[in-house]
């Protein structure tokens, strides 16, 4: 007898044991902090357009990284 589709669907959605999410979150915070520090230094050194562009671009990248794209 064929297995019902609901059982297959449940197995696909079951992620199994939880992943180690703390390491990925910690890495994201470190990357965000270093990027913000670097862009702030660029602004302080007089490269305002470059620093601002870096902050905007890094914010978009971190947002996409956070939502999983």
Protein backbone atom coordinates (compact mmCIF):
# COMPACT_ATOMS: atom_id res chain seq x y z
CA UNK A 1 0.00 0.00 0.00
CA UNK A 2 1.32 3.45 -0.88
CA UNK A 3 2.22 5.84 1.90
CA UNK A 4 -0.12 8.79 2.20
CA UNK A 5 1.06 12.21 1.05
CA UNK A 6 0.58 13.76 4.48
CA UNK A 7 3.31 11.58 5.98
CA UNK A 8 5.73 12.56 3.22
CA UNK A 9 4.85 16.22 3.69
CA UNK A 10 5.45 16.03 7.44
CA UNK A 11 8.90 14.49 6.90
CA UNK A 12 9.86 17.23 4.44
CA UNK A 13 8.92 19.94 6.94
CA UNK A 14 10.61 18.22 9.88
CA UNK A 15 13.99 19.92 10.09
CA UNK A 16 15.43 17.28 12.37
CA UNK A 17 17.74 18.30 15.18
CA UNK A 18 18.09 22.07 15.60
CA UNK A 19 21.09 23.64 13.91
CA UNK A 20 23.72 25.54 15.85
CA UNK A 21 22.15 28.96 15.25
CA UNK A 22 24.16 30.79 17.91
CA UNK A 23 27.42 30.66 15.95
CA UNK A 24 25.80 32.09 12.80
CA UNK A 25 24.13 34.86 14.76
CA UNK A 26 27.35 35.75 16.54
CA UNK A 27 29.21 35.88 13.23
CA UNK A 28 26.58 38.17 11.77
CA UNK A 29 26.96 40.58 14.69
CA UNK A 30 30.76 40.60 14.32
CA UNK A 31 30.56 41.27 10.58
CA UNK A 32 28.01 44.04 11.09
CA UNK A 33 30.13 45.67 13.79
CA UNK A 34 33.33 45.56 11.74
CA UNK A 35 31.58 46.91 8.67
CA UNK A 36 29.95 49.74 10.59
CA UNK A 37 33.28 50.61 12.23
CA UNK A 38 35.06 50.67 8.89
CA UNK A 39 32.40 52.81 7.24
CA UNK A 40 32.36 55.20 10.21
CA UNK A 41 36.14 55.54 9.95
CA UNK A 42 35.81 56.36 6.25
CA UNK A 43 33.28 59.08 7.07
CA UNK A 44 35.53 60.45 9.82
CA UNK A 45 38.49 60.55 7.40
CA UNK A 46 36.52 62.73 5.00
CA UNK A 47 35.29 60.10 2.55
CA UNK A 48 31.62 60.76 3.30
CA UNK A 49 30.13 59.41 0.02
CA UNK A 50 32.20 56.23 0.21
CA UNK A 51 31.40 55.65 3.89
CA UNK A 52 27.70 56.29 3.34
CA UNK A 53 27.60 53.97 0.33
CA UNK A 54 29.34 51.28 2.38
CA UNK A 55 26.83 51.57 5.20
CA UNK A 56 23.87 51.39 2.83
CA UNK A 57 25.29 48.46 0.87
CA UNK A 58 26.26 46.53 3.98
CA UNK A 59 22.82 47.12 5.49
CA UNK A 60 21.16 45.66 2.40
CA UNK A 61 23.52 42.66 2.39
CA UNK A 62 22.97 41.98 6.10
CA UNK A 63 19.20 42.27 5.68
CA UNK A 64 19.23 39.75 2.83
CA UNK A 65 21.57 37.48 4.84
CA UNK A 66 19.25 37.66 7.84
CA UNK A 67 16.15 36.71 5.86
CA UNK A 68 18.03 33.86 4.21
CA UNK A 69 18.52 34.99 0.65
